C-alpha atoms as a PDB file:
ATOM      1  CA  MET A   1       0.272  -0.176  -0.291  1.00  0.00           C
ATOM      2  CA  PRO A   2       1.817   3.289  -1.383  1.00  0.00           C
ATOM      3  CA  HIS A   3       1.563   6.483   0.951  1.00  0.00           C
ATOM      4  CA  ASP A   4       1.204  10.160   0.764  1.00  0.00           C
ATOM      5  CA  PRO A   5       4.912  11.410   0.338  1.00  0.00           C
ATOM      6  CA  ARG A   6       3.573  14.937   1.160  1.00  0.00           C
ATOM      7  CA  PRO A   7       1.439  15.496   5.223  1.00  0.00           C
ATOM      8  CA  ALA A   8      -1.495  15.887   4.641  1.00  0.00           C
ATOM      9  CA  ARG A   9      -3.045  20.103   4.206  1.00  0.00           C
ATOM     10  CA  ASN A  10      -4.609  19.981   6.922  1.00  0.00           C
ATOM     11  CA  THR A  11      -1.826  19.957   9.432  1.00  0.00           C
ATOM     12  CA  SER A  12       0.643  22.482  10.257  1.00  0.00           C
ATOM     13  CA  PHE A  13       4.104  21.919  12.200  1.00  0.00           C
ATOM     14  CA  ILE A  14       3.727  24.994  14.722  1.00  0.00           C
ATOM     15  CA  PHE A  15       0.093  24.359  15.373  1.00  0.00           C
ATOM     16  CA  GLY A  16      -1.260  20.706  14.885  1.00  0.00           C
ATOM     17  CA  HIS A  17      -4.083  22.004  11.917  1.00  0.00           C
ATOM     18  CA  SER A  18      -4.103  24.717   9.514  1.00  0.00           C
ATOM     19  CA  ASP A  19      -6.054  27.754   9.418  1.00  0.00           C
ATOM     20  CA  SER A  20      -7.520  27.007   6.193  1.00  0.00           C
ATOM     21  CA  ARG A  21     -10.607  25.315   8.075  1.00  0.00           C
ATOM     22  CA  TYR A  22     -11.447  28.156   9.924  1.00  0.00           C
ATOM     23  CA  ARG A  23     -10.368  31.072   7.589  1.00  0.00           C
ATOM     24  CA  PRO A  24     -11.147  29.756   3.633  1.00  0.00           C
ATOM     25  CA  LEU A  25      -9.771  31.438   0.507  1.00  0.00           C
ATOM     26  CA  LEU A  26     -11.264  35.617  -0.257  1.00  0.00           C
ATOM     27  CA  ASN A  27     -14.122  35.095  -2.691  1.00  0.00           C
ATOM     28  CA  GLN A  28     -14.264  36.875  -5.293  1.00  0.00           C
ATOM     29  CA  GLU A  29     -16.040  39.791  -4.051  1.00  0.00           C
ATOM     30  CA  GLU A  30     -13.660  39.900  -1.526  1.00  0.00           C
ATOM     31  CA  ARG A  31     -10.797  39.937  -4.523  1.00  0.00           C
ATOM     32  CA  ASP A  32     -12.394  42.864  -5.953  1.00  0.00           C
ATOM     33  CA  ARG A  33     -12.450  45.107  -3.646  1.00  0.00           C
ATOM     34  CA  LEU A  34      -8.893  44.326  -2.688  1.00  0.00           C
ATOM     35  CA  HIS A  35      -8.126  44.904  -5.870  1.00  0.00           C
ATOM     36  CA  ILE A  36     -10.161  48.342  -6.384  1.00  0.00           C
ATOM     37  CA  TRP A  37      -8.309  49.481  -3.264  1.00  0.00           C
ATOM     38  CA  SER A  38      -4.981  48.271  -4.516  1.00  0.00           C
ATOM     39  CA  MET A  39      -5.374  50.161  -7.568  1.00  0.00           C
ATOM     40  CA  ILE A  40      -6.752  53.522  -5.768  1.00  0.00           C
ATOM     41  CA  VAL A  41      -3.485  53.184  -3.530  1.00  0.00           C
ATOM     42  CA  ALA A  42      -1.324  52.720  -6.846  1.00  0.00           C
ATOM     43  CA  LEU A  43      -3.171  55.199  -8.918  1.00  0.00           C
ATOM     44  CA  SER A  44      -2.456  57.657  -6.095  1.00  0.00           C
ATOM     45  CA  THR A  45       0.836  56.999  -4.958  1.00  0.00           C
ATOM     46  CA  SER A  46       1.574  57.411  -8.991  1.00  0.00           C
ATOM     47  CA  ALA A  47      -0.347  60.505  -8.502  1.00  0.00           C
ATOM     48  CA  ALA A  48       1.734  61.479  -5.738  1.00  0.00           C
ATOM     49  CA  GLY A  49       5.058  60.752  -7.033  1.00  0.00           C
ATOM     50  CA  THR A  50       4.698  62.194 -10.669  1.00  0.00           C
ATOM     51  CA  THR A  51       3.539  65.581  -9.027  1.00  0.00           C
ATOM     52  CA  LEU A  52       6.634  65.652  -6.464  1.00  0.00           C
ATOM     53  CA  LEU A  53       8.782  64.778  -9.797  1.00  0.00           C
ATOM     54  CA  LEU A  54       7.167  67.879 -11.620  1.00  0.00           C
ATOM     55  CA  THR A  55       7.726  69.964  -9.022  1.00  0.00           C
ATOM     56  CA  ALA A  56      11.621  69.383  -8.078  1.00  0.00           C
ATOM     57  CA  PHE A  57      11.998  69.832 -12.218  1.00  0.00           C
ATOM     58  CA  LEU A  58      10.214  73.154 -12.020  1.00  0.00           C
ATOM     59  CA  ARG A  59      12.315  74.903  -9.467  1.00  0.00           C
END
């Protein structure tokens, strides 16, 4: 009888259990919301960086 070379997915070295049983992966709605927020942060930091570059260039 062959054994599974990998340990079981529901075991963890530290805690003896996996958090994935208690916290499932992000669903589509949460992923969309996270993506929207990351795009807002990326655009705002890009705008701030462009503003700083233009300010430094024009002075």
